Amino acid sequence: VEQESIGVDFLNNLFKTSDVWKQTSYNNNFRKQYAGPGYTYDE
């Protein structure tokens, strides 16, 4: 089962950071629309 938290951990391990990551849907299936640089995430 796909888990967003696993992706966040993977990216933070890859980049050796503790950044905030949110999964975005290329098909706009969740979180309204696909995010790009300059978009705002409304928590």
PDB file of all heavy atoms in Angstrom:
ATOM      1  N   VAL A   1       0.845  -1.186   0.000  1.00  0.00           N
ATOM      2  CA  VAL A   1       0.000   0.000   0.000  1.00  0.00           C
ATOM      3  C   VAL A   1       0.887   1.245   0.000  1.00  0.00           C
ATOM      4  O   VAL A   1       1.817   1.347   0.825  1.00  0.00           O
ATOM      5  CB  VAL A   1      -0.937   0.025   1.237  1.00  0.00           C
ATOM      6  CG1 VAL A   1      -1.781   1.287   1.270  1.00  0.00           C
ATOM      7  CG2 VAL A   1      -1.819  -1.225   1.247  1.00  0.00           C
ATOM      8  N   GLU A   2       0.609   2.172  -0.917  1.00  0.00           N
ATOM      9  CA  GLU A   2       1.405   3.397  -0.984  1.00  0.00           C
ATOM     10  C   GLU A   2       1.130   4.276   0.236  1.00  0.00           C
ATOM     11  O   GLU A   2      -0.016   4.486   0.617  1.00  0.00           O
ATOM     12  CB  GLU A   2       1.083   4.169  -2.267  1.00  0.00           C
ATOM     13  CG  GLU A   2       1.534   3.443  -3.516  1.00  0.00           C
ATOM     14  CD  GLU A   2       1.233   4.201  -4.797  1.00  0.00           C
ATOM     15  OE1 GLU A   2       0.808   5.369  -4.736  1.00  0.00           O
ATOM     16  OE2 GLU A   2       1.438   3.607  -5.870  1.00  0.00           O
ATOM     17  N   GLN A   3       2.206   4.785   0.821  1.00  0.00           N
ATOM     18  CA  GLN A   3       2.117   5.624   2.019  1.00  0.00           C
ATOM     19  C   GLN A   3       2.939   6.897   1.799  1.00  0.00           C
ATOM     20  O   GLN A   3       4.137   6.825   1.517  1.00  0.00           O
ATOM     21  CB  GLN A   3       2.670   4.878   3.245  1.00  0.00           C
ATOM     22  CG  GLN A   3       1.965   3.589   3.571  1.00  0.00           C
ATOM     23  CD  GLN A   3       0.584   3.814   4.146  1.00  0.00           C
ATOM     24  OE1 GLN A   3       0.271   4.869   4.689  1.00  0.00           O
ATOM     25  NE2 GLN A   3      -0.276   2.813   4.005  1.00  0.00           N
ATOM     26  N   GLU A   4       2.295   8.037   1.937  1.00  0.00           N
ATOM     27  CA  GLU A   4       2.983   9.315   1.773  1.00  0.00           C
ATOM     28  C   GLU A   4       4.174   9.432   2.724  1.00  0.00           C
ATOM     29  O   GLU A   4       5.247   9.902   2.340  1.00  0.00           O
ATOM     30  CB  GLU A   4       2.001  10.471   2.004  1.00  0.00           C
ATOM     31  CG  GLU A   4       2.625  11.840   1.862  1.00  0.00           C
ATOM     32  CD  GLU A   4       1.613  12.966   2.048  1.00  0.00           C
ATOM     33  OE1 GLU A   4       0.650  12.796   2.809  1.00  0.00           O
ATOM     34  OE2 GLU A   4       1.811  14.010   1.408  1.00  0.00           O
ATOM     35  N   SER A   5       3.995   8.995   3.949  1.00  0.00           N
ATOM     36  CA  SER A   5       5.063   9.128   4.952  1.00  0.00           C
ATOM     37  C   SER A   5       6.337   8.389   4.540  1.00  0.00           C
ATOM     38  O   SER A   5       7.448   8.831   4.847  1.00  0.00           O
ATOM     39  CB  SER A   5       4.572   8.626   6.312  1.00  0.00           C
ATOM     40  OG  SER A   5       4.206   7.253   6.230  1.00  0.00           O
ATOM     41  N   ILE A   6       6.183   7.274   3.823  1.00  0.00           N
ATOM     42  CA  ILE A   6       7.361   6.534   3.354  1.00  0.00           C
ATOM     43  C   ILE A   6       8.109   7.368   2.317  1.00  0.00           C
ATOM     44  O   ILE A   6       9.340   7.433   2.319  1.00  0.00           O
ATOM     45  CB  ILE A   6       6.951   5.157   2.784  1.00  0.00           C
ATOM     46  CG1 ILE A   6       6.354   4.292   3.898  1.00  0.00           C
ATOM     47  CG2 ILE A   6       8.150   4.474   2.127  1.00  0.00           C
ATOM     48  CD1 ILE A   6       5.754   2.977   3.409  1.00  0.00           C
ATOM     49  N   GLY A   7       7.371   8.051   1.445  1.00  0.00           N
ATOM     50  CA  GLY A   7       7.999   8.925   0.459  1.00  0.00           C
ATOM     51  C   GLY A   7       8.715  10.095   1.106  1.00  0.00           C
ATOM     52  O   GLY A   7       9.817  10.469   0.689  1.00  0.00           O
ATOM     53  N   VAL A   8       8.096  10.673   2.130  1.00  0.00           N
ATOM     54  CA  VAL A   8       8.724  11.791   2.852  1.00  0.00           C
ATOM     55  C   VAL A   8      10.025  11.322   3.493  1.00  0.00           C
ATOM     56  O   VAL A   8      11.065  11.984   3.373  1.00  0.00           O
ATOM     57  CB  VAL A   8       7.748  12.360   3.909  1.00  0.00           C
ATOM     58  CG1 VAL A   8       8.455  13.350   4.818  1.00  0.00           C
ATOM     59  CG2 VAL A   8       6.544  13.009   3.236  1.00  0.00           C
ATOM     60  N   ASP A   9       9.977  10.176   4.171  1.00  0.00           N
ATOM     61  CA  ASP A   9      11.195   9.648   4.802  1.00  0.00           C
ATOM     62  C   ASP A   9      12.274   9.347   3.763  1.00  0.00           C
ATOM     63  O   ASP A   9      13.450   9.649   3.972  1.00  0.00           O
ATOM     64  CB  ASP A   9      10.878   8.376   5.598  1.00  0.00           C
ATOM     65  CG  ASP A   9      10.043   8.647   6.842  1.00  0.00           C
ATOM     66  OD1 ASP A   9       9.975   9.821   7.278  1.00  0.00           O
ATOM     67  OD2 ASP A   9       9.451   7.677   7.365  1.00  0.00           O
ATOM     68  N   PHE A  10      11.868   8.772   2.629  1.00  0.00           N
ATOM     69  CA  PHE A  10      12.819   8.462   1.560  1.00  0.00           C
ATOM     70  C   PHE A  10      13.535   9.732   1.091  1.00  0.00           C
ATOM     71  O   PHE A  10      14.762   9.758   0.965  1.00  0.00           O
ATOM     72  CB  PHE A  10      12.093   7.785   0.389  1.00  0.00           C
ATOM     73  CG  PHE A  10      12.945   7.650  -0.837  1.00  0.00           C
ATOM     74  CD1 PHE A  10      13.883   6.632  -0.940  1.00  0.00           C
ATOM     75  CD2 PHE A  10      12.824   8.545  -1.892  1.00  0.00           C
ATOM     76  CE1 PHE A  10      14.679   6.506  -2.073  1.00  0.00           C
ATOM     77  CE2 PHE A  10      13.616   8.428  -3.025  1.00  0.00           C
ATOM     78  CZ  PHE A  10      14.550   7.411  -3.114  1.00  0.00           C
ATOM     79  N   LEU A  11      12.768  10.796   0.821  1.00  0.00           N
ATOM     80  CA  LEU A  11      13.367  12.038   0.313  1.00  0.00           C
ATOM     81  C   LEU A  11      14.257  12.700   1.363  1.00  0.00           C
ATOM     82  O   LEU A  11      15.344  13.198   1.040  1.00  0.00           O
ATOM     83  CB  LEU A  11      12.276  13.000  -0.162  1.00  0.00           C
ATOM     84  CG  LEU A  11      11.598  12.556  -1.460  1.00  0.00           C
ATOM     85  CD1 LEU A  11      10.307  13.329  -1.679  1.00  0.00           C
ATOM     86  CD2 LEU A  11      12.535  12.719  -2.639  1.00  0.00           C
ATOM     87  N   ASN A  12      13.821  12.722   2.617  1.00  0.00           N
ATOM     88  CA  ASN A  12      14.663  13.323   3.648  1.00  0.00           C
ATOM     89  C   ASN A  12      15.939  12.517   3.871  1.00  0.00           C
ATOM     90  O   ASN A  12      17.000  13.096   4.129  1.00  0.00           O
ATOM     91  CB  ASN A  12      13.873  13.501   4.949  1.00  0.00           C
ATOM     92  CG  ASN A  12      13.017  14.746   4.898  1.00  0.00           C
ATOM     93  OD1 ASN A  12      13.378  15.750   4.288  1.00  0.00           O
ATOM     94  ND2 ASN A  12      11.856  14.699   5.531  1.00  0.00           N
ATOM     95  N   ASN A  13      15.874  11.206   3.748  1.00  0.00           N
ATOM     96  CA  ASN A  13      17.091  10.378   3.830  1.00  0.00           C
ATOM     97  C   ASN A  13      17.987  10.607   2.624  1.00  0.00           C
ATOM     98  O   ASN A  13      19.200  10.733   2.752  1.00  0.00           O
ATOM     99  CB  ASN A  13      16.735   8.889   3.944  1.00  0.00           C
ATOM    100  CG  ASN A  13      16.191   8.533   5.305  1.00  0.00           C
ATOM    101  OD1 ASN A  13      16.535   9.160   6.306  1.00  0.00           O
ATOM    102  ND2 ASN A  13      15.334   7.528   5.354  1.00  0.00           N
ATOM    103  N   LEU A  14      17.376  10.695   1.436  1.00  0.00           N
ATOM    104  CA  LEU A  14      18.129  10.911   0.205  1.00  0.00           C
ATOM    105  C   LEU A  14      18.898  12.233   0.242  1.00  0.00           C
ATOM    106  O   LEU A  14      20.080  12.291  -0.095  1.00  0.00           O
ATOM    107  CB  LEU A  14      17.183  10.890  -0.996  1.00  0.00           C
ATOM    108  CG  LEU A  14      17.798  11.153  -2.370  1.00  0.00           C
ATOM    109  CD1 LEU A  14      18.702   9.988  -2.766  1.00  0.00           C
ATOM    110  CD2 LEU A  14      16.696  11.347  -3.406  1.00  0.00           C
ATOM    111  N   PHE A  15      18.202  13.293   0.681  1.00  0.00           N
ATOM    112  CA  PHE A  15      18.819  14.628   0.690  1.00  0.00           C
ATOM    113  C   PHE A  15      19.454  14.983   2.035  1.00  0.00           C
ATOM    114  O   PHE A  15      19.973  16.080   2.202  1.00  0.00           O
ATOM    115  CB  PHE A  15      17.783  15.682   0.295  1.00  0.00           C
ATOM    116  CG  PHE A  15      17.303  15.542  -1.131  1.00  0.00           C
ATOM    117  CD1 PHE A  15      15.974  15.246  -1.406  1.00  0.00           C
ATOM    118  CD2 PHE A  15      18.176  15.692  -2.198  1.00  0.00           C
ATOM    119  CE1 PHE A  15      15.530  15.111  -2.719  1.00  0.00           C
ATOM    120  CE2 PHE A  15      17.749  15.558  -3.507  1.00  0.00           C
ATOM    121  CZ  PHE A  15      16.419  15.266  -3.767  1.00  0.00           C
ATOM    122  N   LYS A  16      19.361  14.079   2.999  1.00  0.00           N
ATOM    123  CA  LYS A  16      19.919  14.291   4.342  1.00  0.00           C
ATOM    124  C   LYS A  16      19.382  15.588   4.953  1.00  0.00           C
ATOM    125  O   LYS A  16      20.138  16.452   5.411  1.00  0.00           O
ATOM    126  CB  LYS A  16      21.439  14.261   4.305  1.00  0.00           C
ATOM    127  CG  LYS A  16      21.963  12.965   3.704  1.00  0.00           C
ATOM    128  CD  LYS A  16      23.387  12.709   4.016  1.00  0.00           C
ATOM    129  CE  LYS A  16      23.946  11.444   3.425  1.00  0.00           C
ATOM    130  NZ  LYS A  16      23.108  10.366   3.047  1.00  0.00           N
ATOM    131  N   THR A  17      18.037  15.699   4.941  1.00  0.00           N
ATOM    132  CA  THR A  17      17.350  16.879   5.472  1.00  0.00           C
ATOM    133  C   THR A  17      16.190  16.432   6.350  1.00  0.00           C
ATOM    134  O   THR A  17      15.941  15.236   6.524  1.00  0.00           O
ATOM    135  CB  THR A  17      16.767  17.737   4.327  1.00  0.00           C
ATOM    136  OG1 THR A  17      15.794  16.959   3.621  1.00  0.00           O
ATOM    137  CG2 THR A  17      17.837  18.209   3.369  1.00  0.00           C
ATOM    138  N   SER A  18      15.486  17.382   6.865  1.00  0.00           N
ATOM    139  CA  SER A  18      14.225  17.121   7.580  1.00  0.00           C
ATOM    140  C   SER A  18      13.174  18.089   7.043  1.00  0.00           C
ATOM    141  O   SER A  18      12.456  18.732   7.797  1.00  0.00           O
ATOM    142  CB  SER A  18      14.408  17.267   9.092  1.00  0.00           C
ATOM    143  OG  SER A  18      14.897  18.555   9.391  1.00  0.00           O
ATOM    144  N   ASP A  19      13.113  18.191   5.719  1.00  0.00           N
ATOM    145  CA  ASP A  19      12.198  19.125   5.062  1.00  0.00           C
ATOM    146  C   ASP A  19      10.754  18.654   5.139  1.00  0.00           C
ATOM    147  O   ASP A  19      10.473  17.480   5.404  1.00  0.00           O
ATOM    148  CB  ASP A  19      12.590  19.290   3.588  1.00  0.00           C
ATOM    149  CG  ASP A  19      13.933  19.987   3.419  1.00  0.00           C
ATOM    150  OD1 ASP A  19      14.216  20.920   4.190  1.00  0.00           O
ATOM    151  OD2 ASP A  19      14.691  19.597   2.522  1.00  0.00           O
ATOM    152  N   VAL A  20       9.847  19.582   4.868  1.00  0.00           N
ATOM    153  CA  VAL A  20       8.428  19.266   4.777  1.00  0.00           C
ATOM    154  C   VAL A  20       8.136  18.913   3.324  1.00  0.00           C
ATOM    155  O   VAL A  20       8.431  19.693   2.414  1.00  0.00           O
ATOM    156  CB  VAL A  20       7.555  20.462   5.230  1.00  0.00           C
ATOM    157  CG1 VAL A  20       6.079  20.173   5.016  1.00  0.00           C
ATOM    158  CG2 VAL A  20       7.836  20.804   6.688  1.00  0.00           C
ATOM    159  N   TRP A  21       7.576  17.746   3.106  1.00  0.00           N
ATOM    160  CA  TRP A  21       7.211  17.257   1.782  1.00  0.00           C
ATOM    161  C   TRP A  21       5.738  16.881   1.794  1.00  0.00           C
ATOM    162  O   TRP A  21       5.256  16.323   2.766  1.00  0.00           O
ATOM    163  CB  TRP A  21       8.019  16.019   1.402  1.00  0.00           C
ATOM    164  CG  TRP A  21       9.493  16.244   1.282  1.00  0.00           C
ATOM    165  CD1 TRP A  21      10.418  16.146   2.282  1.00  0.00           C
ATOM    166  CD2 TRP A  21      10.208  16.604   0.101  1.00  0.00           C
ATOM    167  NE1 TRP A  21      11.674  16.416   1.784  1.00  0.00           N
ATOM    168  CE2 TRP A  21      11.571  16.693   0.447  1.00  0.00           C
ATOM    169  CE3 TRP A  21       9.839  16.838  -1.212  1.00  0.00           C
ATOM    170  CZ2 TRP A  21      12.565  17.022  -0.465  1.00  0.00           C
ATOM    171  CZ3 TRP A  21      10.823  17.159  -2.138  1.00  0.00           C
ATOM    172  CH2 TRP A  21      12.167  17.247  -1.759  1.00  0.00           C
ATOM    173  N   LYS A  22       5.048  17.170   0.717  1.00  0.00           N
ATOM    174  CA  LYS A  22       3.653  16.766   0.556  1.00  0.00           C
ATOM    175  C   LYS A  22       3.525  16.108  -0.806  1.00  0.00           C
ATOM    176  O   LYS A  22       4.013  16.634  -1.809  1.00  0.00           O
ATOM    177  CB  LYS A  22       2.698  17.957   0.643  1.00  0.00           C
ATOM    178  CG  LYS A  22       2.651  18.617   2.011  1.00  0.00           C
ATOM    179  CD  LYS A  22       2.001  17.702   3.021  1.00  0.00           C
ATOM    180  CE  LYS A  22       1.998  18.333   4.402  1.00  0.00           C
ATOM    181  NZ  LYS A  22       1.422  17.439   5.404  1.00  0.00           N
ATOM    182  N   GLN A  23       2.840  14.978  -0.827  1.00  0.00           N
ATOM    183  CA  GLN A  23       2.622  14.316  -2.106  1.00  0.00           C
ATOM    184  C   GLN A  23       1.642  15.147  -2.927  1.00  0.00           C
ATOM    185  O   GLN A  23       0.691  15.727  -2.408  1.00  0.00           O
ATOM    186  CB  GLN A  23       2.068  12.908  -1.886  1.00  0.00           C
ATOM    187  CG  GLN A  23       2.076  12.082  -3.147  1.00  0.00           C
ATOM    188  CD  GLN A  23       1.747  10.615  -2.882  1.00  0.00           C
ATOM    189  OE1 GLN A  23       1.558  10.201  -1.744  1.00  0.00           O
ATOM    190  NE2 GLN A  23       1.689   9.844  -3.952  1.00  0.00           N
ATOM    191  N   THR A  24       1.903  15.233  -4.222  1.00  0.00           N
ATOM    192  CA  THR A  24       1.040  15.978  -5.129  1.00  0.00           C
ATOM    193  C   THR A  24       0.630  15.053  -6.262  1.00  0.00           C
ATOM    194  O   THR A  24       1.373  14.152  -6.636  1.00  0.00           O
ATOM    195  CB  THR A  24       1.759  17.249  -5.646  1.00  0.00           C
ATOM    196  OG1 THR A  24       0.862  18.008  -6.442  1.00  0.00           O
ATOM    197  CG2 THR A  24       3.020  16.942  -6.411  1.00  0.00           C
ATOM    198  N   SER A  25      -0.558  15.256  -6.766  1.00  0.00           N
ATOM    199  CA  SER A  25      -1.110  14.359  -7.770  1.00  0.00           C
ATOM    200  C   SER A  25      -0.959  14.930  -9.169  1.00  0.00           C
ATOM    201  O   SER A  25      -1.530  15.974  -9.484  1.00  0.00           O
ATOM    202  CB  SER A  25      -2.594  14.106  -7.483  1.00  0.00           C
ATOM    203  OG  SER A  25      -3.192  13.411  -8.544  1.00  0.00           O
ATOM    204  N   TYR A  26      -0.233  14.219 -10.010  1.00  0.00           N
ATOM    205  CA  TYR A  26      -0.043  14.642 -11.396  1.00  0.00           C
ATOM    206  C   TYR A  26      -1.376  14.691 -12.142  1.00  0.00           C
ATOM    207  O   TYR A  26      -1.557  15.471 -13.061  1.00  0.00           O
ATOM    208  CB  TYR A  26       0.935  13.685 -12.090  1.00  0.00           C
ATOM    209  CG  TYR A  26       1.437  14.197 -13.416  1.00  0.00           C
ATOM    210  CD1 TYR A  26       2.395  15.204 -13.471  1.00  0.00           C
ATOM    211  CD2 TYR A  26       0.951  13.676 -14.607  1.00  0.00           C
ATOM    212  CE1 TYR A  26       2.859  15.675 -14.685  1.00  0.00           C
ATOM    213  CE2 TYR A  26       1.411  14.147 -15.832  1.00  0.00           C
ATOM    214  CZ  TYR A  26       2.355  15.150 -15.861  1.00  0.00           C
ATOM    215  OH  TYR A  26       2.810  15.620 -17.055  1.00  0.00           O
ATOM    216  N   ASN A  27      -2.329  13.872 -11.729  1.00  0.00           N
ATOM    217  CA  ASN A  27      -3.662  13.826 -12.356  1.00  0.00           C
ATOM    218  C   ASN A  27      -4.697  14.641 -11.592  1.00  0.00           C
ATOM    219  O   ASN A  27      -5.896  14.507 -11.842  1.00  0.00           O
ATOM    220  CB  ASN A  27      -4.136  12.371 -12.462  1.00  0.00           C
ATOM    221  CG  ASN A  27      -3.223  11.558 -13.342  1.00  0.00           C
ATOM    222  OD1 ASN A  27      -2.784  12.023 -14.385  1.00  0.00           O
ATOM    223  ND2 ASN A  27      -2.900  10.351 -12.923  1.00  0.00           N
ATOM    224  N   ASN A  28      -4.261  15.452 -10.632  1.00  0.00           N
ATOM    225  CA  ASN A  28      -5.150  16.301  -9.827  1.00  0.00           C
ATOM    226  C   ASN A  28      -6.174  15.482  -9.050  1.00  0.00           C
ATOM    227  O   ASN A  28      -7.297  15.931  -8.818  1.00  0.00           O
ATOM    228  CB  ASN A  28      -5.855  17.342 -10.693  1.00  0.00           C
ATOM    229  CG  ASN A  28      -4.889  18.204 -11.469  1.00  0.00           C
ATOM    230  OD1 ASN A  28      -3.781  18.472 -11.019  1.00  0.00           O
ATOM    231  ND2 ASN A  28      -5.282  18.631 -12.639  1.00  0.00           N
ATOM    232  N   ASN A  29      -5.807  14.290  -8.599  1.00  0.00           N
ATOM    233  CA  ASN A  29      -6.738  13.431  -7.868  1.00  0.00           C
ATOM    234  C   ASN A  29      -6.879  13.808  -6.399  1.00  0.00           C
ATOM    235  O   ASN A  29      -7.852  13.419  -5.763  1.00  0.00           O
ATOM    236  CB  ASN A  29      -6.300  11.961  -7.969  1.00  0.00           C
ATOM    237  CG  ASN A  29      -6.455  11.431  -9.371  1.00  0.00           C
ATOM    238  OD1 ASN A  29      -7.322  11.856 -10.115  1.00  0.00           O
ATOM    239  ND2 ASN A  29      -5.594  10.502  -9.742  1.00  0.00           N
ATOM    240  N   PHE A  30      -5.926  14.536  -5.868  1.00  0.00           N
ATOM    241  CA  PHE A  30      -6.019  14.981  -4.475  1.00  0.00           C
ATOM    242  C   PHE A  30      -5.209  16.266  -4.315  1.00  0.00           C
ATOM    243  O   PHE A  30      -4.407  16.614  -5.165  1.00  0.00           O
ATOM    244  CB  PHE A  30      -5.551  13.893  -3.491  1.00  0.00           C
ATOM    245  CG  PHE A  30      -4.163  13.376  -3.735  1.00  0.00           C
ATOM    246  CD1 PHE A  30      -3.063  13.981  -3.155  1.00  0.00           C
ATOM    247  CD2 PHE A  30      -3.962  12.264  -4.537  1.00  0.00           C
ATOM    248  CE1 PHE A  30      -1.784  13.506  -3.376  1.00  0.00           C
ATOM    249  CE2 PHE A  30      -2.680  11.764  -4.766  1.00  0.00           C
ATOM    250  CZ  PHE A  30      -1.589  12.389  -4.177  1.00  0.00           C
ATOM    251  N   ARG A  31      -5.487  16.973  -3.237  1.00  0.00           N
ATOM    252  CA  ARG A  31      -4.854  18.261  -2.942  1.00  0.00           C
ATOM    253  C   ARG A  31      -5.043  19.262  -4.080  1.00  0.00           C
ATOM    254  O   ARG A  31      -4.167  20.034  -4.396  1.00  0.00           O
ATOM    255  CB  ARG A  31      -3.386  18.087  -2.585  1.00  0.00           C
ATOM    256  CG  ARG A  31      -3.204  17.311  -1.289  1.00  0.00           C
ATOM    257  CD  ARG A  31      -1.830  17.456  -0.676  1.00  0.00           C
ATOM    258  NE  ARG A  31      -1.842  16.886   0.648  1.00  0.00           N
ATOM    259  CZ  ARG A  31      -1.058  15.888   1.057  1.00  0.00           C
ATOM    260  NH1 ARG A  31      -0.156  15.373   0.243  1.00  0.00           N
ATOM    261  NH2 ARG A  31      -1.173  15.443   2.277  1.00  0.00           N
ATOM    262  N   LYS A  32      -6.192  19.236  -4.682  1.00  0.00           N
ATOM    263  CA  LYS A  32      -6.692  20.139  -5.717  1.00  0.00           C
ATOM    264  C   LYS A  32      -5.989  20.005  -7.055  1.00  0.00           C
ATOM    265  O   LYS A  32      -6.612  19.806  -8.066  1.00  0.00           O
ATOM    266  CB  LYS A  32      -6.681  21.593  -5.265  1.00  0.00           C
ATOM    267  CG  LYS A  32      -7.247  22.531  -6.326  1.00  0.00           C
ATOM    268  CD  LYS A  32      -7.601  23.862  -5.792  1.00  0.00           C
ATOM    269  CE  LYS A  32      -8.067  24.818  -6.833  1.00  0.00           C
ATOM    270  NZ  LYS A  32      -9.211  24.401  -7.621  1.00  0.00           N
ATOM    271  N   GLN A  33      -4.659  20.181  -7.072  1.00  0.00           N
ATOM    272  CA  GLN A  33      -3.950  20.202  -8.343  1.00  0.00           C
ATOM    273  C   GLN A  33      -2.491  19.850  -8.136  1.00  0.00           C
ATOM    274  O   GLN A  33      -1.988  19.871  -7.019  1.00  0.00           O
ATOM    275  CB  GLN A  33      -4.069  21.573  -8.990  1.00  0.00           C
ATOM    276  CG  GLN A  33      -3.549  22.711  -8.129  1.00  0.00           C
ATOM    277  CD  GLN A  33      -4.115  24.045  -8.552  1.00  0.00           C
ATOM    278  OE1 GLN A  33      -4.542  24.218  -9.672  1.00  0.00           O
ATOM    279  NE2 GLN A  33      -4.109  25.008  -7.655  1.00  0.00           N
ATOM    280  N   TYR A  34      -1.865  19.518  -9.242  1.00  0.00           N
ATOM    281  CA  TYR A  34      -0.442  19.203  -9.219  1.00  0.00           C
ATOM    282  C   TYR A  34       0.325  20.467  -8.844  1.00  0.00           C
ATOM    283  O   TYR A  34       0.100  21.538  -9.413  1.00  0.00           O
ATOM    284  CB  TYR A  34      -0.011  18.697 -10.599  1.00  0.00           C
ATOM    285  CG  TYR A  34       1.437  18.304 -10.679  1.00  0.00           C
ATOM    286  CD1 TYR A  34       1.885  17.114 -10.109  1.00  0.00           C
ATOM    287  CD2 TYR A  34       2.353  19.110 -11.328  1.00  0.00           C
ATOM    288  CE1 TYR A  34       3.222  16.740 -10.189  1.00  0.00           C
ATOM    289  CE2 TYR A  34       3.687  18.742 -11.418  1.00  0.00           C
ATOM    290  CZ  TYR A  34       4.110  17.562 -10.843  1.00  0.00           C
ATOM    291  OH  TYR A  34       5.430  17.196 -10.920  1.00  0.00           O
ATOM    292  N   ALA A  35       1.224  20.340  -7.892  1.00  0.00           N
ATOM    293  CA  ALA A  35       2.002  21.484  -7.430  1.00  0.00           C
ATOM    294  C   ALA A  35       3.240  21.690  -8.283  1.00  0.00           C
ATOM    295  O   ALA A  35       3.809  20.744  -8.811  1.00  0.00           O
ATOM    296  CB  ALA A  35       2.422  21.286  -5.980  1.00  0.00           C
ATOM    297  N   GLY A  36       3.634  22.934  -8.399  1.00  0.00           N
ATOM    298  CA  GLY A  36       4.871  23.287  -9.061  1.00  0.00           C
ATOM    299  C   GLY A  36       5.564  24.358  -8.240  1.00  0.00           C
ATOM    300  O   GLY A  36       4.966  24.935  -7.329  1.00  0.00           O
ATOM    301  N   PRO A  37       6.810  24.657  -8.540  1.00  0.00           N
ATOM    302  CA  PRO A  37       7.498  25.727  -7.819  1.00  0.00           C
ATOM    303  C   PRO A  37       6.684  27.026  -7.864  1.00  0.00           C
ATOM    304  O   PRO A  37       6.156  27.399  -8.905  1.00  0.00           O
ATOM    305  CB  PRO A  37       8.823  25.867  -8.562  1.00  0.00           C
ATOM    306  CG  PRO A  37       9.058  24.491  -9.123  1.00  0.00           C
ATOM    307  CD  PRO A  37       7.682  24.006  -9.520  1.00  0.00           C
ATOM    308  N   GLY A  38       6.561  27.660  -6.719  1.00  0.00           N
ATOM    309  CA  GLY A  38       5.800  28.900  -6.615  1.00  0.00           C
ATOM    310  C   GLY A  38       4.378  28.696  -6.136  1.00  0.00           C
ATOM    311  O   GLY A  38       3.715  29.646  -5.721  1.00  0.00           O
ATOM    312  N   TYR A  39       3.875  27.480  -6.180  1.00  0.00           N
ATOM    313  CA  TYR A  39       2.545  27.193  -5.640  1.00  0.00           C
ATOM    314  C   TYR A  39       2.600  27.316  -4.124  1.00  0.00           C
ATOM    315  O   TYR A  39       3.669  27.227  -3.516  1.00  0.00           O
ATOM    316  CB  TYR A  39       2.101  25.783  -6.013  1.00  0.00           C
ATOM    317  CG  TYR A  39       1.553  25.653  -7.408  1.00  0.00           C
ATOM    318  CD1 TYR A  39       2.307  26.010  -8.512  1.00  0.00           C
ATOM    319  CD2 TYR A  39       0.279  25.158  -7.629  1.00  0.00           C
ATOM    320  CE1 TYR A  39       1.812  25.886  -9.796  1.00  0.00           C
ATOM    321  CE2 TYR A  39      -0.240  25.020  -8.913  1.00  0.00           C
ATOM    322  CZ  TYR A  39       0.535  25.394  -9.990  1.00  0.00           C
ATOM    323  OH  TYR A  39       0.040  25.273 -11.258  1.00  0.00           O
ATOM    324  N   THR A  40       1.440  27.490  -3.506  1.00  0.00           N
ATOM    325  CA  THR A  40       1.335  27.572  -2.056  1.00  0.00           C
ATOM    326  C   THR A  40       0.615  26.331  -1.551  1.00  0.00           C
ATOM    327  O   THR A  40      -0.384  25.909  -2.143  1.00  0.00           O
ATOM    328  CB  THR A  40       0.547  28.823  -1.635  1.00  0.00           C
ATOM    329  OG1 THR A  40       1.212  29.983  -2.138  1.00  0.00           O
ATOM    330  CG2 THR A  40       0.432  28.933  -0.126  1.00  0.00           C
ATOM    331  N   TYR A  41       1.113  25.768  -0.464  1.00  0.00           N
ATOM    332  CA  TYR A  41       0.410  24.669   0.177  1.00  0.00           C
ATOM    333  C   TYR A  41      -0.394  25.253   1.321  1.00  0.00           C
ATOM    334  O   TYR A  41       0.152  25.876   2.223  1.00  0.00           O
ATOM    335  CB  TYR A  41       1.378  23.597   0.684  1.00  0.00           C
ATOM    336  CG  TYR A  41       0.661  22.530   1.462  1.00  0.00           C
ATOM    337  CD1 TYR A  41      -0.195  21.648   0.821  1.00  0.00           C
ATOM    338  CD2 TYR A  41       0.806  22.427   2.841  1.00  0.00           C
ATOM    339  CE1 TYR A  41      -0.889  20.680   1.530  1.00  0.00           C
ATOM    340  CE2 TYR A  41       0.129  21.467   3.559  1.00  0.00           C
ATOM    341  CZ  TYR A  41      -0.727  20.600   2.901  1.00  0.00           C
ATOM    342  OH  TYR A  41      -1.415  19.648   3.614  1.00  0.00           O
ATOM    343  N   ASP A  42      -1.720  25.092   1.280  1.00  0.00           N
ATOM    344  CA  ASP A  42      -2.608  25.549   2.348  1.00  0.00           C
ATOM    345  C   ASP A  42      -2.816  24.369   3.285  1.00  0.00           C
ATOM    346  O   ASP A  42      -3.512  23.400   2.946  1.00  0.00           O
ATOM    347  CB  ASP A  42      -3.940  26.022   1.759  1.00  0.00           C
ATOM    348  CG  ASP A  42      -4.851  26.622   2.809  1.00  0.00           C
ATOM    349  OD1 ASP A  42      -4.997  26.021   3.905  1.00  0.00           O
ATOM    350  OD2 ASP A  42      -5.449  27.686   2.536  1.00  0.00           O
ATOM    351  N   GLU A  43      -2.205  24.447   4.446  1.00  0.00           N
ATOM    352  CA  GLU A  43      -2.235  23.337   5.402  1.00  0.00           C
ATOM    353  C   GLU A  43      -3.634  23.091   5.944  1.00  0.00           C
ATOM    354  O   GLU A  43      -4.040  21.939   6.129  1.00  0.00           O
ATOM    355  CB  GLU A  43      -1.258  23.624   6.553  1.00  0.00           C
ATOM    356  CG  GLU A  43      -1.023  22.440   7.438  1.00  0.00           C
ATOM    357  CD  GLU A  43       0.123  22.646   8.407  1.00  0.00           C
ATOM    358  OE1 GLU A  43       0.879  23.618   8.267  1.00  0.00           O
ATOM    359  OE2 GLU A  43       0.253  21.816   9.307  1.00  0.00           O
TER     360      GLU A  43
END
